[in-house]
């Protein structure tokens, strides 16, 4: 029996639910990178990075190509980069809305103190 689409989407978003995986995907937006470059940019143990890269490969969010002794990772599709940009837009909007609400609360609180 096929997995319902909503369940597949939930599993997809669970894959994105690790900061190191998100960071790898963000770095790869700028183009393919060898593992050594990823290690230099992400403060993580090599074994942990390897584990997170394996998850991203298994879910086909990244591809791995061997060039001699070096493994180079890349986003599997530009849609991954677009998803990250959409998440940034959503988060920016949420933070802006929260900032406006906080300003309103502070303004209302200042009025209550002086009353």
PDB file of N, CA and C in Angstrom:
ATOM      1  N   UNK A   1       0.847  -1.192   0.000  1.00  0.00           N
ATOM      2  CA  UNK A   1       0.000   0.000   0.000  1.00  0.00           C
ATOM      3  C   UNK A   1       0.888   1.250   0.000  1.00  0.00           C
ATOM      4  N   UNK A   2       0.543   2.223  -0.797  1.00  0.00           N
ATOM      5  CA  UNK A   2       1.320   3.455  -0.923  1.00  0.00           C
ATOM      6  C   UNK A   2       1.186   4.303   0.348  1.00  0.00           C
ATOM      7  N   UNK A   3       2.230   5.030   0.638  1.00  0.00           N
ATOM      8  CA  UNK A   3       2.225   5.949   1.786  1.00  0.00           C
ATOM      9  C   UNK A   3       1.440   7.195   1.382  1.00  0.00           C
ATOM     10  N   UNK A   4       0.530   7.666   2.236  1.00  0.00           N
ATOM     11  CA  UNK A   4      -0.208   8.899   1.912  1.00  0.00           C
ATOM     12  C   UNK A   4       0.760  10.074   1.752  1.00  0.00           C
ATOM     13  N   UNK A   5       0.412  10.997   0.889  1.00  0.00           N
ATOM     14  CA  UNK A   5       1.264  12.145   0.605  1.00  0.00           C
ATOM     15  C   UNK A   5       1.611  12.930   1.869  1.00  0.00           C
ATOM     16  N   UNK A   6       0.619  13.142   2.746  1.00  0.00           N
ATOM     17  CA  UNK A   6       0.892  13.904   3.971  1.00  0.00           C
ATOM     18  C   UNK A   6       1.924  13.202   4.843  1.00  0.00           C
ATOM     19  N   UNK A   7       1.918  11.891   4.848  1.00  0.00           N
ATOM     20  CA  UNK A   7       2.894  11.132   5.622  1.00  0.00           C
ATOM     21  C   UNK A   7       4.283  11.258   4.992  1.00  0.00           C
ATOM     22  N   UNK A   8       4.348  11.197   3.676  1.00  0.00           N
ATOM     23  CA  UNK A   8       5.621  11.362   2.970  1.00  0.00           C
ATOM     24  C   UNK A   8       6.189  12.765   3.219  1.00  0.00           C
ATOM     25  N   UNK A   9       5.312  13.777   3.225  1.00  0.00           N
ATOM     26  CA  UNK A   9       5.756  15.149   3.501  1.00  0.00           C
ATOM     27  C   UNK A   9       6.285  15.268   4.924  1.00  0.00           C
ATOM     28  N   UNK A  10       5.606  14.658   5.864  1.00  0.00           N
ATOM     29  CA  UNK A  10       6.057  14.696   7.261  1.00  0.00           C
ATOM     30  C   UNK A  10       7.442  14.075   7.389  1.00  0.00           C
ATOM     31  N   UNK A  11       7.652  12.960   6.723  1.00  0.00           N
ATOM     32  CA  UNK A  11       8.966  12.301   6.753  1.00  0.00           C
ATOM     33  C   UNK A  11      10.023  13.201   6.113  1.00  0.00           C
ATOM     34  N   UNK A  12       9.678  13.848   5.029  1.00  0.00           N
ATOM     35  CA  UNK A  12      10.579  14.777   4.347  1.00  0.00           C
ATOM     36  C   UNK A  12      11.004  15.899   5.300  1.00  0.00           C
ATOM     37  N   UNK A  13      10.030  16.500   5.997  1.00  0.00           N
ATOM     38  CA  UNK A  13      10.353  17.593   6.909  1.00  0.00           C
ATOM     39  C   UNK A  13      11.130  17.096   8.131  1.00  0.00           C
ATOM     40  N   UNK A  14      10.903  15.859   8.550  1.00  0.00           N
ATOM     41  CA  UNK A  14      11.717  15.292   9.632  1.00  0.00           C
ATOM     42  C   UNK A  14      13.177  15.196   9.200  1.00  0.00           C
ATOM     43  N   UNK A  15      13.402  14.871   7.943  1.00  0.00           N
ATOM     44  CA  UNK A  15      14.771  14.819   7.418  1.00  0.00           C
ATOM     45  C   UNK A  15      15.447  16.170   7.554  1.00  0.00           C
ATOM     46  N   UNK A  16      14.690  17.231   7.371  1.00  0.00           N
ATOM     47  CA  UNK A  16      15.243  18.584   7.481  1.00  0.00           C
ATOM     48  C   UNK A  16      15.390  19.036   8.929  1.00  0.00           C
ATOM     49  N   UNK A  17      14.921  18.221   9.861  1.00  0.00           N
ATOM     50  CA  UNK A  17      14.847  18.617  11.268  1.00  0.00           C
ATOM     51  C   UNK A  17      16.133  18.502  12.056  1.00  0.00           C
ATOM     52  N   UNK A  18      17.282  18.706  11.427  1.00  0.00           N
ATOM     53  CA  UNK A  18      18.554  18.671  12.154  1.00  0.00           C
ATOM     54  C   UNK A  18      19.380  19.869  11.707  1.00  0.00           C
ATOM     55  N   UNK A  19      19.895  20.669  12.652  1.00  0.00           N
ATOM     56  CA  UNK A  19      20.639  21.881  12.288  1.00  0.00           C
ATOM     57  C   UNK A  19      21.826  21.617  11.350  1.00  0.00           C
ATOM     58  N   UNK A  20      22.542  20.533  11.549  1.00  0.00           N
ATOM     59  CA  UNK A  20      23.702  20.250  10.690  1.00  0.00           C
ATOM     60  C   UNK A  20      23.251  19.976   9.261  1.00  0.00           C
ATOM     61  N   UNK A  21      22.133  19.294   9.100  1.00  0.00           N
ATOM     62  CA  UNK A  21      21.640  19.009   7.745  1.00  0.00           C
ATOM     63  C   UNK A  21      21.215  20.298   7.055  1.00  0.00           C
ATOM     64  N   UNK A  22      20.535  21.167   7.782  1.00  0.00           N
ATOM     65  CA  UNK A  22      20.125  22.456   7.209  1.00  0.00           C
ATOM     66  C   UNK A  22      21.361  23.248   6.814  1.00  0.00           C
ATOM     67  N   UNK A  23      22.365  23.260   7.678  1.00  0.00           N
ATOM     68  CA  UNK A  23      23.596  24.015   7.389  1.00  0.00           C
ATOM     69  C   UNK A  23      24.277  23.472   6.133  1.00  0.00           C
ATOM     70  N   UNK A  24      24.363  22.152   5.997  1.00  0.00           N
ATOM     71  CA  UNK A  24      24.954  21.547   4.802  1.00  0.00           C
ATOM     72  C   UNK A  24      24.192  22.017   3.567  1.00  0.00           C
ATOM     73  N   UNK A  25      22.876  21.954   3.613  1.00  0.00           N
ATOM     74  CA  UNK A  25      22.063  22.358   2.463  1.00  0.00           C
ATOM     75  C   UNK A  25      22.260  23.834   2.144  1.00  0.00           C
ATOM     76  N   UNK A  26      22.374  24.667   3.178  1.00  0.00           N
ATOM     77  CA  UNK A  26      22.615  26.099   2.960  1.00  0.00           C
ATOM     78  C   UNK A  26      23.949  26.319   2.248  1.00  0.00           C
ATOM     79  N   UNK A  27      24.981  25.639   2.703  1.00  0.00           N
ATOM     80  CA  UNK A  27      26.311  25.785   2.092  1.00  0.00           C
ATOM     81  C   UNK A  27      26.282  25.324   0.634  1.00  0.00           C
ATOM     82  N   UNK A  28      25.586  24.231   0.381  1.00  0.00           N
ATOM     83  CA  UNK A  28      25.549  23.672  -0.975  1.00  0.00           C
ATOM     84  C   UNK A  28      24.725  24.521  -1.941  1.00  0.00           C
ATOM     85  N   UNK A  29      23.982  25.496  -1.437  1.00  0.00           N
ATOM     86  CA  UNK A  29      23.258  26.410  -2.327  1.00  0.00           C
ATOM     87  C   UNK A  29      24.224  27.167  -3.230  1.00  0.00           C
ATOM     88  N   UNK A  30      25.452  27.364  -2.749  1.00  0.00           N
ATOM     89  CA  UNK A  30      26.459  28.114  -3.512  1.00  0.00           C
ATOM     90  C   UNK A  30      27.193  27.229  -4.512  1.00  0.00           C
ATOM     91  N   UNK A  31      26.837  25.949  -4.554  1.00  0.00           N
ATOM     92  CA  UNK A  31      27.462  25.040  -5.512  1.00  0.00           C
ATOM     93  C   UNK A  31      28.074  23.840  -4.821  1.00  0.00           C
ATOM     94  N   UNK A  32      28.506  22.852  -5.607  1.00  0.00           N
ATOM     95  CA  UNK A  32      29.080  21.622  -5.056  1.00  0.00           C
ATOM     96  C   UNK A  32      30.303  21.913  -4.183  1.00  0.00           C
ATOM     97  N   UNK A  33      30.444  21.113  -3.121  1.00  0.00           N
ATOM     98  CA  UNK A  33      31.566  21.304  -2.197  1.00  0.00           C
ATOM     99  C   UNK A  33      32.125  19.956  -1.764  1.00  0.00           C
ATOM    100  N   UNK A  34      33.456  19.872  -1.630  1.00  0.00           N
ATOM    101  CA  UNK A  34      34.053  18.652  -1.084  1.00  0.00           C
ATOM    102  C   UNK A  34      33.800  18.577   0.423  1.00  0.00           C
ATOM    103  N   UNK A  35      33.876  17.377   0.954  1.00  0.00           N
ATOM    104  CA  UNK A  35      33.626  17.158   2.378  1.00  0.00           C
ATOM    105  C   UNK A  35      34.534  18.045   3.237  1.00  0.00           C
ATOM    106  N   UNK A  36      35.798  18.175   2.868  1.00  0.00           N
ATOM    107  CA  UNK A  36      36.737  18.978   3.683  1.00  0.00           C
ATOM    108  C   UNK A  36      36.255  20.423   3.830  1.00  0.00           C
ATOM    109  N   UNK A  37      35.637  20.976   2.772  1.00  0.00           N
ATOM    110  CA  UNK A  37      35.100  22.336   2.863  1.00  0.00           C
ATOM    111  C   UNK A  37      33.897  22.390   3.803  1.00  0.00           C
ATOM    112  N   UNK A  38      33.054  21.372   3.732  1.00  0.00           N
ATOM    113  CA  UNK A  38      31.900  21.321   4.637  1.00  0.00           C
ATOM    114  C   UNK A  38      32.366  21.245   6.081  1.00  0.00           C
ATOM    115  N   UNK A  39      33.373  20.413   6.325  1.00  0.00           N
ATOM    116  CA  UNK A  39      33.912  20.281   7.685  1.00  0.00           C
ATOM    117  C   UNK A  39      34.489  21.602   8.186  1.00  0.00           C
ATOM    118  N   UNK A  40      35.137  22.338   7.283  1.00  0.00           N
ATOM    119  CA  UNK A  40      35.742  23.618   7.667  1.00  0.00           C
ATOM    120  C   UNK A  40      34.680  24.652   8.037  1.00  0.00           C
ATOM    121  N   UNK A  41      33.510  24.558   7.429  1.00  0.00           N
ATOM    122  CA  UNK A  41      32.459  25.554   7.665  1.00  0.00           C
ATOM    123  C   UNK A  41      31.476  25.184   8.759  1.00  0.00           C
ATOM    124  N   UNK A  42      31.392  23.900   9.077  1.00  0.00           N
ATOM    125  CA  UNK A  42      30.431  23.440  10.084  1.00  0.00           C
ATOM    126  C   UNK A  42      31.211  22.896  11.268  1.00  0.00           C
ATOM    127  N   UNK A  43      30.947  23.417  12.430  1.00  0.00           N
ATOM    128  CA  UNK A  43      31.631  22.938  13.634  1.00  0.00           C
ATOM    129  C   UNK A  43      30.960  21.657  14.097  1.00  0.00           C
ATOM    130  N   UNK A  44      31.465  20.545  13.563  1.00  0.00           N
ATOM    131  CA  UNK A  44      30.877  19.246  13.843  1.00  0.00           C
ATOM    132  C   UNK A  44      31.974  18.202  13.673  1.00  0.00           C
ATOM    133  N   UNK A  45      31.860  17.134  14.416  1.00  0.00           N
ATOM    134  CA  UNK A  45      32.823  16.037  14.291  1.00  0.00           C
ATOM    135  C   UNK A  45      32.690  15.399  12.911  1.00  0.00           C
ATOM    136  N   UNK A  46      33.803  14.959  12.318  1.00  0.00           N
ATOM    137  CA  UNK A  46      33.731  14.308  11.003  1.00  0.00           C
ATOM    138  C   UNK A  46      32.750  13.143  10.960  1.00  0.00           C
ATOM    139  N   UNK A  47      32.695  12.342  12.025  1.00  0.00           N
ATOM    140  CA  UNK A  47      31.775  11.200  12.031  1.00  0.00           C
ATOM    141  C   UNK A  47      30.316  11.666  12.033  1.00  0.00           C
ATOM    142  N   UNK A  48      30.036  12.763  12.743  1.00  0.00           N
ATOM    143  CA  UNK A  48      28.669  13.301  12.767  1.00  0.00           C
ATOM    144  C   UNK A  48      28.287  13.868  11.403  1.00  0.00           C
ATOM    145  N   UNK A  49      29.236  14.568  10.772  1.00  0.00           N
ATOM    146  CA  UNK A  49      28.960  15.108   9.446  1.00  0.00           C
ATOM    147  C   UNK A  49      28.688  13.966   8.476  1.00  0.00           C
ATOM    148  N   UNK A  50      29.493  12.936   8.555  1.00  0.00           N
ATOM    149  CA  UNK A  50      29.321  11.778   7.687  1.00  0.00           C
ATOM    150  C   UNK A  50      27.925  11.174   7.857  1.00  0.00           C
ATOM    151  N   UNK A  51      27.486  11.081   9.097  1.00  0.00           N
ATOM    152  CA  UNK A  51      26.156  10.539   9.409  1.00  0.00           C
ATOM    153  C   UNK A  51      25.056  11.412   8.798  1.00  0.00           C
ATOM    154  N   UNK A  52      25.199  12.735   8.941  1.00  0.00           N
ATOM    155  CA  UNK A  52      24.178  13.649   8.424  1.00  0.00           C
ATOM    156  C   UNK A  52      24.165  13.652   6.892  1.00  0.00           C
ATOM    157  N   UNK A  53      25.347  13.557   6.282  1.00  0.00           N
ATOM    158  CA  UNK A  53      25.425  13.486   4.829  1.00  0.00           C
ATOM    159  C   UNK A  53      24.772  12.197   4.317  1.00  0.00           C
ATOM    160  N   UNK A  54      24.938  11.123   5.061  1.00  0.00           N
ATOM    161  CA  UNK A  54      24.322   9.845   4.676  1.00  0.00           C
ATOM    162  C   UNK A  54      22.801   9.970   4.671  1.00  0.00           C
ATOM    163  N   UNK A  55      22.247  10.656   5.663  1.00  0.00           N
ATOM    164  CA  UNK A  55      20.789  10.866   5.716  1.00  0.00           C
ATOM    165  C   UNK A  55      20.341  11.680   4.501  1.00  0.00           C
ATOM    166  N   UNK A  56      21.088  12.738   4.178  1.00  0.00           N
ATOM    167  CA  UNK A  56      20.728  13.585   3.044  1.00  0.00           C
ATOM    168  C   UNK A  56      20.852  12.837   1.717  1.00  0.00           C
ATOM    169  N   UNK A  57      21.846  11.957   1.618  1.00  0.00           N
ATOM    170  CA  UNK A  57      21.997  11.129   0.405  1.00  0.00           C
ATOM    171  C   UNK A  57      20.849  10.131   0.286  1.00  0.00           C
ATOM    172  N   UNK A  58      20.535   9.470   1.406  1.00  0.00           N
ATOM    173  CA  UNK A  58      19.487   8.448   1.424  1.00  0.00           C
ATOM    174  C   UNK A  58      18.134   9.031   0.996  1.00  0.00           C
ATOM    175  N   UNK A  59      17.884  10.268   1.395  1.00  0.00           N
ATOM    176  CA  UNK A  59      16.618  10.912   1.052  1.00  0.00           C
ATOM    177  C   UNK A  59      16.711  11.669  -0.273  1.00  0.00           C
ATOM    178  N   UNK A  60      17.851  11.565  -0.917  1.00  0.00           N
ATOM    179  CA  UNK A  60      18.097  12.146  -2.247  1.00  0.00           C
ATOM    180  C   UNK A  60      17.995  13.667  -2.283  1.00  0.00           C
ATOM    181  N   UNK A  61      18.310  14.323  -1.164  1.00  0.00           N
ATOM    182  CA  UNK A  61      18.379  15.785  -1.150  1.00  0.00           C
ATOM    183  C   UNK A  61      19.727  16.261  -1.672  1.00  0.00           C
ATOM    184  N   UNK A  62      20.750  15.407  -1.544  1.00  0.00           N
ATOM    185  CA  UNK A  62      22.077  15.721  -2.080  1.00  0.00           C
ATOM    186  C   UNK A  62      22.579  14.546  -2.913  1.00  0.00           C
ATOM    187  N   UNK A  63      23.533  14.859  -3.771  1.00  0.00           N
ATOM    188  CA  UNK A  63      24.223  13.822  -4.529  1.00  0.00           C
ATOM    189  C   UNK A  63      25.687  13.842  -4.112  1.00  0.00           C
ATOM    190  N   UNK A  64      26.338  12.710  -4.251  1.00  0.00           N
ATOM    191  CA  UNK A  64      27.760  12.594  -3.918  1.00  0.00           C
ATOM    192  C   UNK A  64      28.486  12.061  -5.147  1.00  0.00           C
ATOM    193  N   UNK A  65      29.583  12.733  -5.504  1.00  0.00           N
ATOM    194  CA  UNK A  65      30.393  12.329  -6.641  1.00  0.00           C
ATOM    195  C   UNK A  65      31.833  12.188  -6.180  1.00  0.00           C
ATOM    196  N   UNK A  66      32.454  11.096  -6.550  1.00  0.00           N
ATOM    197  CA  UNK A  66      33.848  10.883  -6.172  1.00  0.00           C
ATOM    198  C   UNK A  66      34.745  11.477  -7.250  1.00  0.00           C
ATOM    199  N   UNK A  67      35.683  12.312  -6.804  1.00  0.00           N
ATOM    200  CA  UNK A  67      36.700  12.888  -7.686  1.00  0.00           C
ATOM    201  C   UNK A  67      38.053  12.524  -7.093  1.00  0.00           C
ATOM    202  N   UNK A  68      38.626  11.432  -7.562  1.00  0.00           N
ATOM    203  CA  UNK A  68      39.866  10.932  -6.970  1.00  0.00           C
ATOM    204  C   UNK A  68      39.583  10.438  -5.570  1.00  0.00           C
ATOM    205  N   UNK A  69      40.298  10.988  -4.586  1.00  0.00           N
ATOM    206  CA  UNK A  69      40.091  10.614  -3.183  1.00  0.00           C
ATOM    207  C   UNK A  69      39.055  11.501  -2.498  1.00  0.00           C
ATOM    208  N   UNK A  70      38.516  12.459  -3.226  1.00  0.00           N
ATOM    209  CA  UNK A  70      37.606  13.440  -2.654  1.00  0.00           C
ATOM    210  C   UNK A  70      36.165  13.129  -3.036  1.00  0.00           C
ATOM    211  N   UNK A  71      35.261  13.297  -2.067  1.00  0.00           N
ATOM    212  CA  UNK A  71      33.829  13.172  -2.349  1.00  0.00           C
ATOM    213  C   UNK A  71      33.250  14.586  -2.356  1.00  0.00           C
ATOM    214  N   UNK A  72      32.575  14.907  -3.451  1.00  0.00           N
ATOM    215  CA  UNK A  72      31.979  16.236  -3.614  1.00  0.00           C
ATOM    216  C   UNK A  72      30.466  16.091  -3.525  1.00  0.00           C
ATOM    217  N   UNK A  73      29.865  16.942  -2.695  1.00  0.00           N
ATOM    218  CA  UNK A  73      28.413  16.921  -2.502  1.00  0.00           C
ATOM    219  C   UNK A  73      27.777  18.102  -3.220  1.00  0.00           C
ATOM    220  N   UNK A  74      26.553  17.886  -3.689  1.00  0.00           N
ATOM    221  CA  UNK A  74      25.787  18.936  -4.363  1.00  0.00           C
ATOM    222  C   UNK A  74      24.314  18.730  -4.047  1.00  0.00           C
ATOM    223  N   UNK A  75      23.535  19.808  -4.164  1.00  0.00           N
ATOM    224  CA  UNK A  75      22.087  19.684  -4.032  1.00  0.00           C
ATOM    225  C   UNK A  75      21.580  18.859  -5.200  1.00  0.00           C
ATOM    226  N   UNK A  76      20.620  18.000  -4.944  1.00  0.00           N
ATOM    227  CA  UNK A  76      20.093  17.136  -6.000  1.00  0.00           C
ATOM    228  C   UNK A  76      19.221  17.904  -6.987  1.00  0.00           C
ATOM    229  N   UNK A  77      18.646  19.017  -6.536  1.00  0.00           N
ATOM    230  CA  UNK A  77      17.760  19.825  -7.377  1.00  0.00           C
ATOM    231  C   UNK A  77      17.761  21.266  -6.855  1.00  0.00           C
ATOM    232  N   UNK A  78      17.611  22.246  -7.745  1.00  0.00           N
ATOM    233  CA  UNK A  78      17.525  23.650  -7.294  1.00  0.00           C
ATOM    234  C   UNK A  78      16.321  23.894  -6.385  1.00  0.00           C
ATOM    235  N   UNK A  79      15.348  22.992  -6.427  1.00  0.00           N
ATOM    236  CA  UNK A  79      14.161  23.150  -5.571  1.00  0.00           C
ATOM    237  C   UNK A  79      14.519  23.123  -4.087  1.00  0.00           C
ATOM    238  N   UNK A  80      15.590  22.428  -3.738  1.00  0.00           N
ATOM    239  CA  UNK A  80      16.022  22.388  -2.331  1.00  0.00           C
ATOM    240  C   UNK A  80      16.433  23.791  -1.895  1.00  0.00           C
ATOM    241  N   UNK A  81      17.184  24.481  -2.742  1.00  0.00           N
ATOM    242  CA  UNK A  81      17.596  25.856  -2.426  1.00  0.00           C
ATOM    243  C   UNK A  81      16.371  26.761  -2.337  1.00  0.00           C
ATOM    244  N   UNK A  82      15.401  26.555  -3.219  1.00  0.00           N
ATOM    245  CA  UNK A  82      14.179  27.365  -3.195  1.00  0.00           C
ATOM    246  C   UNK A  82      13.401  27.116  -1.900  1.00  0.00           C
ATOM    247  N   UNK A  83      13.364  25.878  -1.440  1.00  0.00           N
ATOM    248  CA  UNK A  83      12.692  25.553  -0.183  1.00  0.00           C
ATOM    249  C   UNK A  83      13.357  26.295   0.984  1.00  0.00           C
ATOM    250  N   UNK A  84      14.680  26.331   0.998  1.00  0.00           N
ATOM    251  CA  UNK A  84      15.399  27.037   2.066  1.00  0.00           C
ATOM    252  C   UNK A  84      15.123  28.537   2.010  1.00  0.00           C
ATOM    253  N   UNK A  85      15.053  29.091   0.803  1.00  0.00           N
ATOM    254  CA  UNK A  85      14.729  30.521   0.661  1.00  0.00           C
ATOM    255  C   UNK A  85      13.309  30.793   1.143  1.00  0.00           C
ATOM    256  N   UNK A  86      12.375  29.887   0.822  1.00  0.00           N
ATOM    257  CA  UNK A  86      10.986  30.051   1.280  1.00  0.00           C
ATOM    258  C   UNK A  86      10.923  30.007   2.804  1.00  0.00           C
ATOM    259  N   UNK A  87      11.682  29.089   3.412  1.00  0.00           N
ATOM    260  CA  UNK A  87      11.708  28.997   4.884  1.00  0.00           C
ATOM    261  C   UNK A  87      12.231  30.297   5.481  1.00  0.00           C
ATOM    262  N   UNK A  88      13.259  30.877   4.854  1.00  0.00           N
ATOM    263  CA  UNK A  88      13.812  32.146   5.348  1.00  0.00           C
ATOM    264  C   UNK A  88      12.758  33.253   5.262  1.00  0.00           C
ATOM    265  N   UNK A  89      12.031  33.301   4.154  1.00  0.00           N
ATOM    266  CA  UNK A  89      10.983  34.327   4.007  1.00  0.00           C
ATOM    267  C   UNK A  89       9.908  34.158   5.076  1.00  0.00           C
ATOM    268  N   UNK A  90       9.483  32.928   5.307  1.00  0.00           N
ATOM    269  CA  UNK A  90       8.445  32.651   6.307  1.00  0.00           C
ATOM    270  C   UNK A  90       8.935  33.050   7.702  1.00  0.00           C
ATOM    271  N   UNK A  91      10.166  32.646   8.034  1.00  0.00           N
ATOM    272  CA  UNK A  91      10.715  32.986   9.352  1.00  0.00           C
ATOM    273  C   UNK A  91      10.860  34.491   9.522  1.00  0.00           C
ATOM    274  N   UNK A  92      11.301  35.175   8.476  1.00  0.00           N
ATOM    275  CA  UNK A  92      11.443  36.635   8.540  1.00  0.00           C
ATOM    276  C   UNK A  92      10.098  37.287   8.814  1.00  0.00           C
ATOM    277  N   UNK A  93       9.069  36.798   8.126  1.00  0.00           N
ATOM    278  CA  UNK A  93       7.727  37.343   8.329  1.00  0.00           C
ATOM    279  C   UNK A  93       7.230  37.074   9.749  1.00  0.00           C
ATOM    280  N   UNK A  94       7.483  35.862  10.245  1.00  0.00           N
ATOM    281  CA  UNK A  94       7.051  35.512  11.602  1.00  0.00           C
ATOM    282  C   UNK A  94       7.744  36.396  12.636  1.00  0.00           C
ATOM    283  N   UNK A  95       9.039  36.595  12.454  1.00  0.00           N
ATOM    284  CA  UNK A  95       9.804  37.411  13.404  1.00  0.00           C
ATOM    285  C   UNK A  95       9.336  38.856  13.347  1.00  0.00           C
ATOM    286  N   UNK A  96       9.062  39.350  12.143  1.00  0.00           N
ATOM    287  CA  UNK A  96       8.561  40.718  11.989  1.00  0.00           C
ATOM    288  C   UNK A  96       7.227  40.870  12.705  1.00  0.00           C
ATOM    289  N   UNK A  97       6.320  39.893  12.487  1.00  0.00           N
ATOM    290  CA  UNK A  97       5.014  39.934  13.157  1.00  0.00           C
ATOM    291  C   UNK A  97       5.175  39.903  14.668  1.00  0.00           C
ATOM    292  N   UNK A  98       6.104  39.067  15.166  1.00  0.00           N
ATOM    293  CA  UNK A  98       6.334  38.978  16.610  1.00  0.00           C
ATOM    294  C   UNK A  98       6.891  40.299  17.139  1.00  0.00           C
ATOM    295  N   UNK A  99       7.770  40.929  16.352  1.00  0.00           N
ATOM    296  CA  UNK A  99       8.346  42.211  16.763  1.00  0.00           C
ATOM    297  C   UNK A  99       7.281  43.280  16.874  1.00  0.00           C
ATOM    298  N   UNK A 100       6.357  43.286  15.919  1.00  0.00           N
ATOM    299  CA  UNK A 100       5.255  44.263  15.954  1.00  0.00           C
ATOM    300  C   UNK A 100       4.358  44.012  17.156  1.00  0.00           C
ATOM    301  N   UNK A 101       4.072  42.736  17.447  1.00  0.00           N
ATOM    302  CA  UNK A 101       3.253  42.387  18.597  1.00  0.00           C
ATOM    303  C   UNK A 101       3.956  42.808  19.892  1.00  0.00           C
ATOM    304  N   UNK A 102       5.258  42.553  19.963  1.00  0.00           N
ATOM    305  CA  UNK A 102       6.035  42.931  21.149  1.00  0.00           C
ATOM    306  C   UNK A 102       5.996  44.445  21.345  1.00  0.00           C
ATOM    307  N   UNK A 103       6.131  45.193  20.270  1.00  0.00           N
ATOM    308  CA  UNK A 103       6.070  46.657  20.366  1.00  0.00           C
ATOM    309  C   UNK A 103       4.695  47.101  20.871  1.00  0.00           C
ATOM    310  N   UNK A 104       3.642  46.467  20.372  1.00  0.00           N
ATOM    311  CA  UNK A 104       2.286  46.785  20.838  1.00  0.00           C
ATOM    312  C   UNK A 104       2.132  46.488  22.326  1.00  0.00           C
ATOM    313  N   UNK A 105       2.648  45.323  22.739  1.00  0.00           N
ATOM    314  CA  UNK A 105       2.550  44.942  24.147  1.00  0.00           C
ATOM    315  C   UNK A 105       3.307  45.919  25.035  1.00  0.00           C
ATOM    316  N   UNK A 106       4.498  46.298  24.595  1.00  0.00           N
ATOM    317  CA  UNK A 106       5.291  47.261  25.380  1.00  0.00           C
ATOM    318  C   UNK A 106       4.573  48.602  25.450  1.00  0.00           C
ATOM    319  N   UNK A 107       4.002  49.010  24.332  1.00  0.00           N
ATOM    320  CA  UNK A 107       3.288  50.283  24.270  1.00  0.00           C
ATOM    321  C   UNK A 107       2.068  50.226  25.193  1.00  0.00           C
ATOM    322  N   UNK A 108       1.335  49.134  25.154  1.00  0.00           N
ATOM    323  CA  UNK A 108       0.158  48.981  26.014  1.00  0.00           C
ATOM    324  C   UNK A 108       0.576  48.920  27.479  1.00  0.00           C
ATOM    325  N   UNK A 109       1.696  48.267  27.743  1.00  0.00           N
ATOM    326  CA  UNK A 109       2.192  48.142  29.122  1.00  0.00           C
ATOM    327  C   UNK A 109       2.630  49.488  29.679  1.00  0.00           C
ATOM    328  N   UNK A 110       3.234  50.316  28.844  1.00  0.00           N
ATOM    329  CA  UNK A 110       3.687  51.649  29.275  1.00  0.00           C
ATOM    330  C   UNK A 110       2.488  52.524  29.597  1.00  0.00           C
ATOM    331  N   UNK A 111       1.431  52.381  28.805  1.00  0.00           N
ATOM    332  CA  UNK A 111       0.200  53.137  29.055  1.00  0.00           C
ATOM    333  C   UNK A 111      -0.452  52.721  30.352  1.00  0.00           C
ATOM    334  N   UNK A 112      -0.411  51.437  30.665  1.00  0.00           N
ATOM    335  CA  UNK A 112      -1.029  50.922  31.889  1.00  0.00           C
ATOM    336  C   UNK A 112      -0.260  51.403  33.116  1.00  0.00           C
ATOM    337  N   UNK A 113       1.076  51.522  33.012  1.00  0.00           N
ATOM    338  CA  UNK A 113       1.886  51.955  34.146  1.00  0.00           C
ATOM    339  C   UNK A 113       1.621  53.400  34.501  1.00  0.00           C
ATOM    340  N   UNK A 114       1.388  54.230  33.463  1.00  0.00           N
ATOM    341  CA  UNK A 114       1.208  55.643  33.722  1.00  0.00           C
ATOM    342  C   UNK A 114      -0.218  55.975  34.152  1.00  0.00           C
ATOM    343  N   UNK A 115      -1.111  55.026  33.999  1.00  0.00           N
ATOM    344  CA  UNK A 115      -2.518  55.287  34.324  1.00  0.00           C
ATOM    345  C   UNK A 115      -2.770  55.222  35.803  1.00  0.00           C
TER     346      UNK A 115
END
